[in-house]
Structures are given as C-alpha cells and as structure tokens.
Protein backbone atom coordinates (compact mmCIF):
# COMPACT_ATOMS: atom_id res chain seq x y z
CA UNK A 1 -27.00 9.59 -57.82
CA UNK A 2 -26.92 7.35 -60.96
CA UNK A 3 -25.34 3.82 -60.21
CA UNK A 4 -24.55 4.67 -56.92
CA UNK A 5 -27.46 3.77 -54.93
CA UNK A 6 -28.31 0.15 -53.93
CA UNK A 7 -31.99 0.18 -55.67
CA UNK A 8 -30.67 1.43 -58.97
CA UNK A 9 -29.38 -2.01 -59.76
CA UNK A 10 -32.92 -3.58 -59.35
CA UNK A 11 -34.77 -0.67 -60.99
CA UNK A 12 -33.66 -1.43 -64.49
CA UNK A 13 -35.66 -5.20 -64.12
CA UNK A 14 -38.80 -3.64 -62.97
CA UNK A 15 -41.58 -4.46 -65.32
CA UNK A 16 -43.16 -1.70 -67.14
CA UNK A 17 -46.51 -2.28 -65.72
CA UNK A 18 -47.01 -2.87 -62.26
CA UNK A 19 -50.11 -4.45 -60.29
CA UNK A 20 -50.92 -2.60 -57.14
CA UNK A 21 -54.60 -4.29 -56.80
CA UNK A 22 -52.83 -5.60 -53.47
CA UNK A 23 -52.75 -2.09 -51.70
CA UNK A 24 -56.66 -1.89 -52.05
CA UNK A 25 -57.22 -5.36 -49.85
CA UNK A 26 -57.44 -5.13 -46.19
CA UNK A 27 -56.19 -7.91 -43.58
CA UNK A 28 -59.25 -10.28 -43.72
CA UNK A 29 -59.06 -10.48 -47.26
CA UNK A 30 -55.18 -11.41 -46.96
CA UNK A 31 -55.01 -13.44 -44.65
CA UNK A 32 -58.83 -14.95 -43.96
CA UNK A 33 -58.18 -18.10 -45.30
CA UNK A 34 -55.37 -19.18 -43.71
CA UNK A 35 -57.78 -19.91 -40.02
CA UNK A 36 -60.37 -21.73 -41.64
CA UNK A 37 -60.59 -25.05 -39.92
CA UNK A 38 -62.04 -28.06 -41.71
CA UNK A 39 -62.83 -30.02 -38.56
CA UNK A 40 -64.26 -27.66 -36.25
CA UNK A 41 -64.25 -30.18 -33.34
CA UNK A 42 -60.60 -29.75 -32.78
CA UNK A 43 -61.32 -25.95 -31.46
CA UNK A 44 -63.63 -27.32 -28.88
CA UNK A 45 -61.08 -29.84 -27.39
CA UNK A 46 -58.71 -28.97 -24.50
CA UNK A 47 -55.31 -30.19 -24.02
CA UNK A 48 -54.89 -33.53 -21.83
CA UNK A 49 -51.74 -34.28 -19.39
CA UNK A 50 -50.86 -37.01 -22.33
CA UNK A 51 -50.73 -34.29 -24.99
CA UNK A 52 -48.23 -32.09 -22.65
CA UNK A 53 -46.42 -34.90 -22.11
CA UNK A 54 -45.88 -35.84 -26.26
CA UNK A 55 -45.08 -32.46 -26.64
CA UNK A 56 -42.42 -32.34 -24.01
CA UNK A 57 -40.78 -35.77 -24.70
CA UNK A 58 -39.30 -37.74 -21.82
CA UNK A 59 -38.68 -35.92 -18.82
CA UNK A 60 -37.53 -38.65 -16.61
CA UNK A 61 -34.26 -37.10 -16.70
CA UNK A 62 -35.57 -33.45 -15.71
CA UNK A 63 -37.31 -34.82 -12.75
CA UNK A 64 -34.38 -36.86 -11.39
CA UNK A 65 -32.77 -33.60 -11.26
CA UNK A 66 -35.43 -31.74 -9.92
CA UNK A 67 -35.45 -34.19 -7.07
CA UNK A 68 -34.06 -32.78 -3.51
CA UNK A 69 -30.47 -35.11 -2.70
CA UNK A 70 -31.02 -35.84 1.30
CA UNK A 71 -27.10 -36.44 1.32
CA UNK A 72 -26.08 -33.71 -0.53
CA UNK A 73 -23.60 -30.92 0.99
CA UNK A 74 -21.65 -27.80 0.11
CA UNK A 75 -19.00 -27.67 3.20
CA UNK A 76 -17.84 -29.98 5.86
CA UNK A 77 -16.71 -28.04 8.97
CA UNK A 78 -14.06 -30.01 10.92
CA UNK A 79 -12.77 -29.26 14.47
CA UNK A 80 -9.12 -30.39 15.29
CA UNK A 81 -8.48 -31.01 19.05
CA UNK A 82 -5.26 -29.44 18.17
CA UNK A 83 -5.49 -26.09 16.14
CA UNK A 84 -1.75 -25.83 15.55
CA UNK A 85 -2.06 -29.09 13.35
CA UNK A 86 -4.45 -27.33 11.03
CA UNK A 87 -1.76 -26.77 8.12
CA UNK A 88 -0.37 -30.29 8.20
CA UNK A 89 -4.05 -31.79 7.94
CA UNK A 90 -5.30 -29.18 5.40
CA UNK A 91 -2.13 -30.95 3.21
CA UNK A 92 -2.62 -34.09 4.18
CA UNK A 93 -6.36 -34.15 2.85
CA UNK A 94 -5.70 -32.33 0.04
CA UNK A 95 -3.28 -35.01 -1.27
CA UNK A 96 -6.03 -37.55 -0.13
CA UNK A 97 -8.33 -35.86 -2.56
CA UNK A 98 -6.19 -35.69 -5.16
CA UNK A 99 -5.59 -39.39 -4.95
CA UNK A 100 -9.35 -40.28 -4.82
CA UNK A 101 -9.81 -37.89 -7.94
CA UNK A 102 -12.51 -35.97 -5.72
CA UNK A 103 -13.41 -32.59 -6.57
CA UNK A 104 -12.99 -31.21 -3.34
CA UNK A 105 -10.41 -29.15 -1.44
CA UNK A 106 -9.77 -28.25 2.26
CA UNK A 107 -9.09 -24.58 3.42
CA UNK A 108 -8.66 -22.92 6.66
CA UNK A 109 -11.62 -21.11 8.28
CA UNK A 110 -10.27 -17.99 7.46
CA UNK A 111 -9.77 -18.63 3.78
CA UNK A 112 -13.41 -19.99 3.96
CA UNK A 113 -14.99 -17.17 5.90
CA UNK A 114 -13.32 -14.84 3.82
CA UNK A 115 -14.33 -10.76 4.59
CA UNK A 116 -15.93 -11.90 7.73
CA UNK A 117 -12.32 -13.31 8.97
CA UNK A 118 -11.02 -9.98 7.97
CA UNK A 119 -13.50 -7.69 10.00
CA UNK A 120 -12.64 -10.26 13.04
CA UNK A 121 -9.02 -9.70 12.75
CA UNK A 122 -9.24 -6.22 12.35
CA UNK A 123 -11.75 -5.57 15.16
CA UNK A 124 -9.03 -7.97 17.22
CA UNK A 125 -6.13 -5.57 16.34
CA UNK A 126 -8.07 -2.71 17.57
CA UNK A 127 -8.71 -3.96 20.96
CA UNK A 128 -5.27 -5.42 21.10
CA UNK A 129 -4.26 -1.57 20.45
CA UNK A 130 -6.42 -0.07 22.63
CA UNK A 131 -5.73 -2.82 25.90
CA UNK A 132 -1.90 -1.80 25.25
CA UNK A 133 -2.47 1.89 25.46
CA UNK A 134 -4.20 0.91 28.85
CA UNK A 135 -1.45 -0.93 29.74
CA UNK A 136 0.79 1.88 29.48
CA UNK A 137 -1.33 3.99 31.31
CA UNK A 138 -1.27 1.87 33.84
CA UNK A 139 2.45 1.35 34.21
CA UNK A 140 2.67 5.10 34.20
CA UNK A 141 0.30 5.37 37.33
CA UNK A 142 2.54 2.31 38.93
CA UNK A 143 5.74 4.22 38.42
CA UNK A 144 4.22 7.31 40.14
CA UNK A 145 3.19 5.37 42.71
CA UNK A 146 6.63 4.25 43.57
CA UNK A 147 8.17 7.57 43.08
CA UNK A 148 5.75 8.50 45.87
CA UNK A 149 6.36 5.81 48.23
CA UNK A 150 10.09 6.48 47.93
CA UNK A 151 9.66 10.24 48.60
CA UNK A 152 7.73 9.66 51.38
CA UNK A 153 10.66 6.83 52.83
CA UNK A 154 13.08 9.14 52.02
CA UNK A 155 14.44 9.48 55.54
CA UNK A 156 14.45 5.57 55.95
CA UNK A 157 16.66 4.94 53.01
CA UNK A 158 18.88 7.87 54.37
CA UNK A 159 18.99 6.22 57.78
CA UNK A 160 20.27 2.62 55.99
CA UNK A 161 22.37 4.62 54.18
CA UNK A 162 24.13 6.17 57.13
CA UNK A 163 24.09 2.80 58.87
CA UNK A 164 26.33 0.98 55.49
CA UNK A 165 23.56 -0.06 53.39
CA UNK A 166 25.13 -0.22 50.03
CA UNK A 167 23.05 0.68 46.85
CA UNK A 168 22.76 -2.85 45.91
CA UNK A 169 20.81 -3.17 49.19
CA UNK A 170 18.63 -0.53 48.27
CA UNK A 171 17.81 -1.92 44.75
CA UNK A 172 16.89 -5.00 46.19
CA UNK A 173 14.81 -3.76 48.67
CA UNK A 174 12.65 -1.73 46.52
CA UNK A 175 12.79 -4.58 43.77
CA UNK A 176 11.72 -7.04 46.02
CA UNK A 177 9.14 -5.25 47.77
CA UNK A 178 7.48 -4.32 44.27
CA UNK A 179 7.80 -8.12 43.19
CA UNK A 180 6.10 -8.64 45.93
CA UNK A 181 2.76 -6.27 45.68
CA UNK A 182 2.72 -7.36 42.00
CA UNK A 183 2.33 -11.17 42.66
CA UNK A 184 -0.01 -10.46 45.57
CA UNK A 185 -2.36 -7.93 43.28
CA UNK A 186 -1.96 -10.35 40.52
CA UNK A 187 -2.92 -13.49 41.82
CA UNK A 188 -5.71 -11.43 43.07
CA UNK A 189 -6.87 -10.19 39.81
CA UNK A 190 -7.05 -13.68 38.63
CA UNK A 191 -9.22 -15.10 41.21
CA UNK A 192 -11.39 -12.31 40.63
CA UNK A 193 -11.42 -12.78 37.01
CA UNK A 194 -12.19 -16.43 37.64
CA UNK A 195 -14.98 -15.51 39.83
CA UNK A 196 -16.80 -13.20 37.60
CA UNK A 197 -16.52 -15.38 34.66
CA UNK A 198 -18.22 -18.13 36.62
CA UNK A 199 -21.04 -15.76 37.30
CA UNK A 200 -21.49 -14.80 33.77
CA UNK A 201 -21.68 -18.67 32.84
CA UNK A 202 -24.24 -19.18 34.94
CA UNK A 203 -26.38 -16.11 34.07
CA UNK A 204 -26.31 -17.65 30.75
CA UNK A 205 -26.52 -14.09 28.97
CA UNK A 206 -28.39 -14.35 25.79
CA UNK A 207 -27.32 -12.03 22.66
CA UNK A 208 -30.00 -10.79 20.46
CA UNK A 209 -28.07 -8.29 18.22
CA UNK A 210 -26.88 -10.60 14.90
CA UNK A 211 -23.64 -8.69 14.34
CA UNK A 212 -22.77 -9.44 18.14
CA UNK A 213 -23.51 -12.97 17.32
CA UNK A 214 -21.04 -13.38 14.19
CA UNK A 215 -18.09 -11.31 16.20
CA UNK A 216 -18.94 -13.72 19.52
CA UNK A 217 -19.72 -16.71 17.56
CA UNK A 218 -23.18 -17.60 18.79
CA UNK A 219 -25.93 -16.42 20.66
CA UNK A 220 -24.75 -17.05 24.38
CA UNK A 221 -22.00 -15.15 26.20
CA UNK A 222 -19.70 -17.64 27.75
CA UNK A 223 -15.91 -16.68 29.09
CA UNK A 224 -13.88 -19.58 28.86
CA UNK A 225 -10.50 -19.26 31.15
CA UNK A 226 -7.62 -19.81 29.17
CA UNK A 227 -4.18 -21.17 31.13
CA UNK A 228 -2.09 -20.00 28.25
CA UNK A 229 -3.92 -16.39 27.98
CA UNK A 230 -3.32 -16.32 32.19
CA UNK A 231 0.12 -16.96 32.17
CA UNK A 232 0.74 -14.65 29.09
CA UNK A 233 -0.90 -11.95 31.17
CA UNK A 234 0.99 -12.60 34.72
CA UNK A 235 3.93 -12.35 32.88
CA UNK A 236 3.49 -9.07 30.93
CA UNK A 237 2.43 -7.53 34.14
CA UNK A 238 5.10 -8.62 36.07
CA UNK A 239 7.66 -7.23 33.07
CA UNK A 240 5.41 -4.24 32.93
CA UNK A 241 6.19 -3.33 36.70
CA UNK A 242 9.63 -4.67 36.88
CA UNK A 243 10.14 -1.65 33.95
CA UNK A 244 8.18 0.67 36.06
CA UNK A 245 10.35 0.04 39.03
CA UNK A 246 13.80 1.19 37.35
CA UNK A 247 12.84 5.20 37.69
CA UNK A 248 11.76 4.91 41.43
CA UNK A 249 15.05 2.95 42.20
CA UNK A 250 17.08 5.17 40.37
CA UNK A 251 16.02 7.97 42.36
CA UNK A 252 16.00 6.23 45.67
CA UNK A 253 19.32 5.37 45.09
CA UNK A 254 20.32 9.33 44.86
CA UNK A 255 19.14 9.82 48.15
CA UNK A 256 22.04 10.46 50.75
CA UNK A 257 22.20 10.45 54.51
CA UNK A 258 22.85 14.24 54.60
CA UNK A 259 19.57 14.65 52.01
CA UNK A 260 17.64 12.79 54.43
CA UNK A 261 18.64 14.91 57.81
CA UNK A 262 17.85 17.99 55.65
CA UNK A 263 14.53 16.65 54.56
CA UNK A 264 13.93 16.00 58.35
CA UNK A 265 14.84 19.38 59.66
C-alpha cells in the first residue's frame, strides 16, 4: 500500500533495534511496586464519619433540600357556590397570579383531570343517547295507547259530532284529557322518585369498585334531587306527550256520525 497507510508514516521513524524485554515480564513484575505502602498502619485503620464528611465537603444545602416541607402543595381545589362563574373566576385568579409574579396557573377541573374528564363526558353522552332512545319508545307507546282509546270511543265521538260538536271541540277534549293524564302521572313519578332517593340515601350504599368510585366521585352512592333537572324532565314529558297526541287527534277528527253508526251495527 506504500505511503497510503497510516502506519507507514511512523515506520520510517522506528529504530533498527527494538527492546523486547517487556514482553517477557508478567503483571506482578510490571505493577508490584505501585501498591507498596511504607506505613502499613494506614491499611489497618477504618474510615470515620469525619473522614467521609471531609470528602463530601459542606452538605448543609443538600440536607436542607432533602427535608420534607410540611407546607408544600402541588394543587389546590376550589369549589364555587356558583359554578356558572367558574370561567370568570379563573380569569381573575390568573390576573392576580401574574400581578404577584407567582408561578401558579388557575384552570378548570376538566383541563386538570384531562383523560378522566373526557371518559366521564363520553359515558354521560352514551347514557344520554340511551335515555333519548328510551324516551322515543315511551312516546310511541303513549301514541298507540291514545289511538286505542280513540278507537274505543268512536261511537262517543261520532255522537258528539252528530249533536253539533265542532272539530275544535274534539281536539280540545282529547288534548285536555291527555294533559291531565300527563300532569298526574308526572307528579306521581316525581314523588315516587323522591321516595326512592330518600330510601337509597338512608341505606348508605358503599361502593367498592375503584372504577365506579372514579365515575361517581366517591365511595358512597347518594342521589341528590335537583329542581332544574326535575322541571326539565317534566316539560320534556309534557312536550313529548303533546307531540304523541297529534296523530290520535287527527284520527279522531276523521270520525263522522255515519262512521260511528256503521261501527255500532
């Protein structure tokens, strides 16, 4: 390879005669003198705490950093009396922290809980969809029940039409009956729900499943009645029953005195 190899540069500087005596020596011959200690008493002495401290230097700062701070905290949870003001309070707190030059940030609970809040929202959406589907089925059942009621009263409605009852009167009659039934049934359902809620709260049901604890927010199962939710459910039932009443009313308005008489025959 000529001068193209790295070693060729130094090959010209090597002496003609090389001392190879080192190759005949073992490890003891080479390094034995390095571990000879003139004062053998040092080997018999042991290290003391003072010796170690002198090696480490001043450890006061390290000891201070290793102490447990009783007043330390990672986060503080605030519960507002008016949850609807949460966004405004967060803005006010962040402005205060910036003014005081504090390395603190105020956020809402959904941002703090991250994936858990998302899972809770998804579960709530699933339950909402199931409730909506169940409500649709219930309203269909109500509509079928009203239709059967109208069919059974065909002769009665036809007689009223023969006596001069207008279509508006028949419409108001059926609507009033449906409204009364809905109001009475809704109030009975609300009272029954309050009684069941009271029984469950008195029973002090404990939850042991960890996943259920996360979604329910604690280890005890409690039902807290809410006036807003109760009124919303009441009006939803009323509106649904009114919509379910449209087809039975239209069916009743098609009944004529002649049709009623033919059915009696």
